[in-house]
Amino acid sequence: MRSLVTPTILSGPRPKRQGFIKTMSRIGKKQIKIPQGVEIKVDGRKVRVKGPKGELEKEFPEGLNIQVRDDFASVSPEKGGNKNSEIWGLGRALLAIMIKGVSDGFEKVLEFSGIGFKAQVNGSNLELNLGFTNPVIIKAPKDVTFQVEKNLIKVKGSDKEAVGRVAALIRASRPPEPYKGTGIKYKDEVIIKKAGKKAVVTGL
């Protein structure tokens, strides 16, 4: 009779998870240089950042300490366990994005192509003529502006999330068509065109 051997399950650490926590902690330890003309005010979990490109205010997750000293800002975890270590790097990244937004700003560039397609800035809004019966109007949120140059649409603003959201909305107004390539796409986006349907000629 053949004997059955029960396999041994080896237990050990999860390297991917531990590696993620170490990476987040390493990022979190880096101080952020505050550019000239940028002001940061901390009120508990609320952080307000003001600069040449605008003003942003966000509420940070619990378990983080945000400090501003001289020309540097830093994020550190409160004492309390591993959970704080996981959000440490994320909190630092969020603060860095806010500082970059009010000092340099963010930009998304889209391009459109199609017969009769036009784009123009009307007041603070973007007006798109995309072959529909009526033009498509994209309203600009606070601190987001539009700029049109030939067939390029530039979305600019201090809030990275808002800029990305508006750019996605513009693209969704007329997504790129895979056969002719017409529509709206991001400037650096590569559209793989599909071959058109070929007519089949049958002999008599």
C-alpha atoms as a PDB file:
ATOM      1  CA  MET A   1       0.000   0.000   0.000  1.00  0.00           C
ATOM      2  CA  ARG A   2       1.338   3.415  -1.018  1.00  0.00           C
ATOM      3  CA  SER A   3       1.646   5.827   1.872  1.00  0.00           C
ATOM      4  CA  LEU A   4       0.316   9.338   1.520  1.00  0.00           C
ATOM      5  CA  VAL A   5       2.509  12.208   2.605  1.00  0.00           C
ATOM      6  CA  THR A   6       0.750  15.342   3.812  1.00  0.00           C
ATOM      7  CA  PRO A   7       2.415  18.381   2.213  1.00  0.00           C
ATOM      8  CA  THR A   8       3.931  20.912   4.571  1.00  0.00           C
ATOM      9  CA  ILE A   9       2.733  24.478   4.112  1.00  0.00           C
ATOM     10  CA  LEU A  10       5.527  26.904   4.847  1.00  0.00           C
ATOM     11  CA  SER A  11       4.475  30.143   6.439  1.00  0.00           C
ATOM     12  CA  GLY A  12       6.480  33.308   6.126  1.00  0.00           C
ATOM     13  CA  PRO A  13       6.336  37.038   5.589  1.00  0.00           C
ATOM     14  CA  ARG A  14       4.615  38.604   2.633  1.00  0.00           C
ATOM     15  CA  PRO A  15       7.416  40.406   0.794  1.00  0.00           C
ATOM     16  CA  LYS A  16       5.163  42.394  -1.502  1.00  0.00           C
ATOM     17  CA  ARG A  17       3.159  43.852   1.375  1.00  0.00           C
ATOM     18  CA  GLN A  18       6.214  44.593   3.478  1.00  0.00           C
ATOM     19  CA  GLY A  19       7.969  46.102   0.473  1.00  0.00           C
ATOM     20  CA  PHE A  20       5.027  48.431  -0.121  1.00  0.00           C
ATOM     21  CA  ILE A  21       5.050  49.638   3.489  1.00  0.00           C
ATOM     22  CA  LYS A  22       8.812  50.235   3.378  1.00  0.00           C
ATOM     23  CA  THR A  23       8.482  52.182   0.129  1.00  0.00           C
ATOM     24  CA  MET A  24       5.710  54.362   1.546  1.00  0.00           C
ATOM     25  CA  SER A  25       7.747  55.030   4.699  1.00  0.00           C
ATOM     26  CA  ARG A  26      10.819  55.927   2.643  1.00  0.00           C
ATOM     27  CA  ILE A  27       8.797  58.408   0.580  1.00  0.00           C
ATOM     28  CA  GLY A  28       7.150  59.835   3.679  1.00  0.00           C
ATOM     29  CA  LYS A  29      10.490  60.668   5.311  1.00  0.00           C
ATOM     30  CA  LYS A  30      11.463  63.082   2.519  1.00  0.00           C
ATOM     31  CA  GLN A  31      10.889  66.725   3.307  1.00  0.00           C
ATOM     32  CA  ILE A  32       9.168  68.941   0.744  1.00  0.00           C
ATOM     33  CA  LYS A  33      10.795  72.189  -0.293  1.00  0.00           C
ATOM     34  CA  ILE A  34       8.278  75.031  -0.193  1.00  0.00           C
ATOM     35  CA  PRO A  35       8.714  77.306  -3.237  1.00  0.00           C
ATOM     36  CA  GLN A  36       8.801  81.050  -2.853  1.00  0.00           C
ATOM     37  CA  GLY A  37       5.329  82.584  -2.760  1.00  0.00           C
ATOM     38  CA  VAL A  38       3.632  79.454  -1.366  1.00  0.00           C
ATOM     39  CA  GLU A  39       1.924  79.530   2.037  1.00  0.00           C
ATOM     40  CA  ILE A  40       0.805  76.479   4.023  1.00  0.00           C
ATOM     41  CA  LYS A  41      -1.616  76.578   6.939  1.00  0.00           C
ATOM     42  CA  VAL A  42      -2.414  73.501   9.025  1.00  0.00           C
ATOM     43  CA  ASP A  43      -5.549  73.301  11.159  1.00  0.00           C
ATOM     44  CA  GLY A  44      -5.811  69.814  12.583  1.00  0.00           C
ATOM     45  CA  ARG A  45      -6.388  67.495   9.634  1.00  0.00           C
ATOM     46  CA  LYS A  46      -7.208  70.381   7.275  1.00  0.00           C
ATOM     47  CA  VAL A  47      -4.366  71.729   5.165  1.00  0.00           C
ATOM     48  CA  ARG A  48      -4.642  74.903   3.087  1.00  0.00           C
ATOM     49  CA  VAL A  49      -1.987  75.671   0.473  1.00  0.00           C
ATOM     50  CA  LYS A  50      -1.923  79.015  -1.332  1.00  0.00           C
ATOM     51  CA  GLY A  51       0.323  80.107  -4.199  1.00  0.00           C
ATOM     52  CA  PRO A  52       0.561  81.963  -7.531  1.00  0.00           C
ATOM     53  CA  LYS A  53      -1.623  79.411  -9.347  1.00  0.00           C
ATOM     54  CA  GLY A  54      -4.444  79.249  -6.818  1.00  0.00           C
ATOM     55  CA  GLU A  55      -5.488  77.895  -3.449  1.00  0.00           C
ATOM     56  CA  LEU A  56      -6.241  74.334  -2.378  1.00  0.00           C
ATOM     57  CA  GLU A  57      -7.691  72.895   0.801  1.00  0.00           C
ATOM     58  CA  LYS A  58      -7.888  69.216   1.670  1.00  0.00           C
ATOM     59  CA  GLU A  59      -8.563  67.079   4.721  1.00  0.00           C
ATOM     60  CA  PHE A  60      -5.822  64.545   5.350  1.00  0.00           C
ATOM     61  CA  PRO A  61      -6.339  61.029   6.736  1.00  0.00           C
ATOM     62  CA  GLU A  62      -6.213  60.408  10.445  1.00  0.00           C
ATOM     63  CA  GLY A  63      -2.919  59.399  11.979  1.00  0.00           C
ATOM     64  CA  LEU A  64      -0.669  61.951  10.274  1.00  0.00           C
ATOM     65  CA  ASN A  65       1.223  64.934  11.626  1.00  0.00           C
ATOM     66  CA  ILE A  66       1.920  67.754   9.150  1.00  0.00           C
ATOM     67  CA  GLN A  67       4.561  70.284  10.115  1.00  0.00           C
ATOM     68  CA  VAL A  68       5.889  73.421   8.412  1.00  0.00           C
ATOM     69  CA  ARG A  69       9.296  74.691   9.461  1.00  0.00           C
ATOM     70  CA  ASP A  70      11.219  77.406   7.648  1.00  0.00           C
ATOM     71  CA  ASP A  71      11.077  76.541   3.929  1.00  0.00           C
ATOM     72  CA  PHE A  72      10.203  72.867   4.332  1.00  0.00           C
ATOM     73  CA  ALA A  73       7.064  70.824   4.982  1.00  0.00           C
ATOM     74  CA  SER A  74       7.070  67.297   6.384  1.00  0.00           C
ATOM     75  CA  VAL A  75       4.602  64.513   7.081  1.00  0.00           C
ATOM     76  CA  SER A  76       5.092  62.021   9.909  1.00  0.00           C
ATOM     77  CA  PRO A  77       2.895  59.272  11.360  1.00  0.00           C
ATOM     78  CA  GLU A  78       1.380  59.472  14.790  1.00  0.00           C
ATOM     79  CA  LYS A  79       2.262  56.698  17.186  1.00  0.00           C
ATOM     80  CA  GLY A  80      -0.266  53.962  16.793  1.00  0.00           C
ATOM     81  CA  GLY A  81       0.676  51.050  14.599  1.00  0.00           C
ATOM     82  CA  ASN A  82       1.338  49.838  11.085  1.00  0.00           C
ATOM     83  CA  LYS A  83      -1.760  51.406   9.603  1.00  0.00           C
ATOM     84  CA  ASN A  84      -0.205  54.851   9.957  1.00  0.00           C
ATOM     85  CA  SER A  85       2.945  53.667   8.187  1.00  0.00           C
ATOM     86  CA  GLU A  86       0.892  52.660   5.164  1.00  0.00           C
ATOM     87  CA  ILE A  87      -0.651  56.108   4.709  1.00  0.00           C
ATOM     88  CA  TRP A  88       2.549  57.971   5.563  1.00  0.00           C
ATOM     89  CA  GLY A  89       3.928  58.060   2.025  1.00  0.00           C
ATOM     90  CA  LEU A  90       0.480  58.674   0.562  1.00  0.00           C
ATOM     91  CA  GLY A  91       0.021  61.719   2.792  1.00  0.00           C
ATOM     92  CA  ARG A  92       3.409  63.095   1.777  1.00  0.00           C
ATOM     93  CA  ALA A  93       2.587  62.578  -1.916  1.00  0.00           C
ATOM     94  CA  LEU A  94      -0.746  64.374  -1.494  1.00  0.00           C
ATOM     95  CA  LEU A  95       0.921  67.375   0.129  1.00  0.00           C
ATOM     96  CA  ALA A  96       3.590  67.492  -2.599  1.00  0.00           C
ATOM     97  CA  ILE A  97       0.886  67.492  -5.298  1.00  0.00           C
ATOM     98  CA  MET A  98      -0.910  70.382  -3.598  1.00  0.00           C
ATOM     99  CA  ILE A  99       2.298  72.421  -3.405  1.00  0.00           C
ATOM    100  CA  LYS A 100       3.133  71.745  -7.055  1.00  0.00           C
ATOM    101  CA  GLY A 101      -0.406  72.631  -8.064  1.00  0.00           C
ATOM    102  CA  VAL A 102      -0.424  76.103  -6.524  1.00  0.00           C
ATOM    103  CA  SER A 103       3.155  76.887  -7.600  1.00  0.00           C
ATOM    104  CA  ASP A 104       3.481  75.406 -11.117  1.00  0.00           C
ATOM    105  CA  GLY A 105       0.007  74.086 -11.901  1.00  0.00           C
ATOM    106  CA  PHE A 106      -1.017  71.004 -13.897  1.00  0.00           C
ATOM    107  CA  GLU A 107      -1.899  70.655 -17.558  1.00  0.00           C
ATOM    108  CA  LYS A 108      -3.566  68.085 -19.800  1.00  0.00           C
ATOM    109  CA  VAL A 109      -3.397  68.471 -23.574  1.00  0.00           C
ATOM    110  CA  LEU A 110      -5.917  66.895 -25.944  1.00  0.00           C
ATOM    111  CA  GLU A 111      -6.132  66.984 -29.714  1.00  0.00           C
ATOM    112  CA  PHE A 112      -9.153  66.625 -31.972  1.00  0.00           C
ATOM    113  CA  SER A 113      -9.532  65.693 -35.621  1.00  0.00           C
ATOM    114  CA  GLY A 114     -12.568  65.437 -37.857  1.00  0.00           C
ATOM    115  CA  ILE A 115     -14.256  67.278 -40.704  1.00  0.00           C
ATOM    116  CA  GLY A 116     -15.910  70.415 -39.347  1.00  0.00           C
ATOM    117  CA  PHE A 117     -14.716  69.811 -35.784  1.00  0.00           C
ATOM    118  CA  LYS A 118     -14.019  73.053 -33.903  1.00  0.00           C
ATOM    119  CA  ALA A 119     -13.238  74.147 -30.365  1.00  0.00           C
ATOM    120  CA  GLN A 120     -13.343  77.597 -28.808  1.00  0.00           C
ATOM    121  CA  VAL A 121     -13.316  79.186 -25.390  1.00  0.00           C
ATOM    122  CA  ASN A 122     -16.572  80.995 -24.644  1.00  0.00           C
ATOM    123  CA  GLY A 123     -16.184  82.979 -21.441  1.00  0.00           C
ATOM    124  CA  SER A 124     -14.812  80.499 -18.929  1.00  0.00           C
ATOM    125  CA  ASN A 125     -16.348  77.485 -20.677  1.00  0.00           C
ATOM    126  CA  LEU A 126     -15.244  75.315 -23.589  1.00  0.00           C
ATOM    127  CA  GLU A 127     -17.511  75.020 -26.633  1.00  0.00           C
ATOM    128  CA  LEU A 128     -17.037  71.985 -28.867  1.00  0.00           C
ATOM    129  CA  ASN A 129     -18.538  71.494 -32.325  1.00  0.00           C
ATOM    130  CA  LEU A 130     -18.170  67.780 -32.969  1.00  0.00           C
ATOM    131  CA  GLY A 131     -20.664  67.033 -35.704  1.00  0.00           C
ATOM    132  CA  PHE A 132     -23.689  66.867 -33.432  1.00  0.00           C
ATOM    133  CA  THR A 133     -26.839  68.965 -33.829  1.00  0.00           C
ATOM    134  CA  ASN A 134     -25.854  71.186 -30.922  1.00  0.00           C
ATOM    135  CA  PRO A 135     -22.413  72.149 -29.597  1.00  0.00           C
ATOM    136  CA  VAL A 136     -21.070  70.436 -26.482  1.00  0.00           C
ATOM    137  CA  ILE A 137     -20.439  72.837 -23.599  1.00  0.00           C
ATOM    138  CA  ILE A 138     -17.858  71.904 -20.980  1.00  0.00           C
ATOM    139  CA  LYS A 139     -18.156  74.103 -17.897  1.00  0.00           C
ATOM    140  CA  ALA A 140     -14.929  75.012 -16.138  1.00  0.00           C
ATOM    141  CA  PRO A 141     -14.768  74.176 -12.416  1.00  0.00           C
ATOM    142  CA  LYS A 142     -13.119  76.584 -10.018  1.00  0.00           C
ATOM    143  CA  ASP A 143      -9.448  77.287 -10.837  1.00  0.00           C
ATOM    144  CA  VAL A 144      -9.604  75.344 -14.137  1.00  0.00           C
ATOM    145  CA  THR A 145      -9.027  77.172 -17.433  1.00  0.00           C
ATOM    146  CA  PHE A 146      -9.123  76.247 -21.111  1.00  0.00           C
ATOM    147  CA  GLN A 147      -6.870  77.235 -23.969  1.00  0.00           C
ATOM    148  CA  VAL A 148      -7.344  76.308 -27.637  1.00  0.00           C
ATOM    149  CA  GLU A 149      -4.540  76.354 -30.206  1.00  0.00           C
ATOM    150  CA  LYS A 150      -5.491  75.052 -33.663  1.00  0.00           C
ATOM    151  CA  ASN A 151      -6.541  71.450 -32.986  1.00  0.00           C
ATOM    152  CA  LEU A 152      -5.168  71.335 -29.431  1.00  0.00           C
ATOM    153  CA  ILE A 153      -7.156  71.831 -26.215  1.00  0.00           C
ATOM    154  CA  LYS A 154      -5.212  72.625 -23.057  1.00  0.00           C
ATOM    155  CA  VAL A 155      -6.783  72.127 -19.644  1.00  0.00           C
ATOM    156  CA  LYS A 156      -4.915  73.938 -16.874  1.00  0.00           C
ATOM    157  CA  GLY A 157      -5.408  74.263 -13.141  1.00  0.00           C
ATOM    158  CA  SER A 158      -3.945  73.932  -9.667  1.00  0.00           C
ATOM    159  CA  ASP A 159      -6.022  70.872  -8.710  1.00  0.00           C
ATOM    160  CA  LYS A 160      -4.536  67.798 -10.420  1.00  0.00           C
ATOM    161  CA  GLU A 161      -7.669  65.726  -9.830  1.00  0.00           C
ATOM    162  CA  ALA A 162      -9.958  68.409 -11.302  1.00  0.00           C
ATOM    163  CA  VAL A 163      -7.736  68.869 -14.364  1.00  0.00           C
ATOM    164  CA  GLY A 164      -7.713  65.132 -15.047  1.00  0.00           C
ATOM    165  CA  ARG A 165     -11.468  64.823 -14.509  1.00  0.00           C
ATOM    166  CA  VAL A 166     -12.293  67.678 -16.927  1.00  0.00           C
ATOM    167  CA  ALA A 167      -9.865  66.341 -19.534  1.00  0.00           C
ATOM    168  CA  ALA A 168     -11.545  62.927 -19.337  1.00  0.00           C
ATOM    169  CA  LEU A 169     -14.940  64.594 -19.783  1.00  0.00           C
ATOM    170  CA  ILE A 170     -13.731  66.390 -22.923  1.00  0.00           C
ATOM    171  CA  ARG A 171     -12.380  63.140 -24.372  1.00  0.00           C
ATOM    172  CA  ALA A 172     -15.644  61.356 -23.598  1.00  0.00           C
ATOM    173  CA  SER A 173     -17.545  63.982 -25.631  1.00  0.00           C
ATOM    174  CA  ARG A 174     -16.271  62.335 -28.816  1.00  0.00           C
ATOM    175  CA  PRO A 175     -13.953  59.385 -28.118  1.00  0.00           C
ATOM    176  CA  PRO A 176     -11.435  58.528 -30.874  1.00  0.00           C
ATOM    177  CA  GLU A 177     -12.926  56.376 -33.605  1.00  0.00           C
ATOM    178  CA  PRO A 178     -10.769  53.257 -34.240  1.00  0.00           C
ATOM    179  CA  TYR A 179     -11.279  53.106 -38.026  1.00  0.00           C
ATOM    180  CA  LYS A 180     -10.705  56.670 -39.240  1.00  0.00           C
ATOM    181  CA  GLY A 181      -9.029  58.032 -36.126  1.00  0.00           C
ATOM    182  CA  THR A 182     -11.382  60.988 -35.793  1.00  0.00           C
ATOM    183  CA  GLY A 183     -12.511  62.295 -32.417  1.00  0.00           C
ATOM    184  CA  ILE A 184     -10.756  63.603 -29.320  1.00  0.00           C
ATOM    185  CA  LYS A 185      -7.763  61.961 -27.682  1.00  0.00           C
ATOM    186  CA  TYR A 186      -4.935  62.865 -25.337  1.00  0.00           C
ATOM    187  CA  LYS A 187      -1.965  64.295 -27.196  1.00  0.00           C
ATOM    188  CA  ASP A 188       0.344  61.477 -26.114  1.00  0.00           C
ATOM    189  CA  GLU A 189      -2.318  58.786 -26.576  1.00  0.00           C
ATOM    190  CA  VAL A 190      -1.720  56.160 -29.253  1.00  0.00           C
ATOM    191  CA  ILE A 191      -4.832  54.902 -31.045  1.00  0.00           C
ATOM    192  CA  ILE A 192      -4.460  51.576 -32.810  1.00  0.00           C
ATOM    193  CA  LYS A 193      -6.534  51.850 -35.952  1.00  0.00           C
ATOM    194  CA  LYS A 194      -8.595  48.904 -37.117  1.00  0.00           C
ATOM    195  CA  ALA A 195      -8.751  47.844 -40.704  1.00  0.00           C
ATOM    196  CA  GLY A 196     -12.011  48.784 -42.409  1.00  0.00           C
ATOM    197  CA  LYS A 197     -14.409  46.183 -43.726  1.00  0.00           C
ATOM    198  CA  LYS A 198     -13.432  45.232 -47.253  1.00  0.00           C
ATOM    199  CA  ALA A 199     -16.084  44.667 -49.842  1.00  0.00           C
ATOM    200  CA  VAL A 200     -16.116  41.132 -51.105  1.00  0.00           C
ATOM    201  CA  VAL A 201     -16.574  40.798 -54.824  1.00  0.00           C
ATOM    202  CA  THR A 202     -17.988  37.494 -55.963  1.00  0.00           C
ATOM    203  CA  GLY A 203     -17.610  36.238 -59.497  1.00  0.00           C
ATOM    204  CA  LEU A 204     -20.551  35.268 -61.523  1.00  0.00           C
END
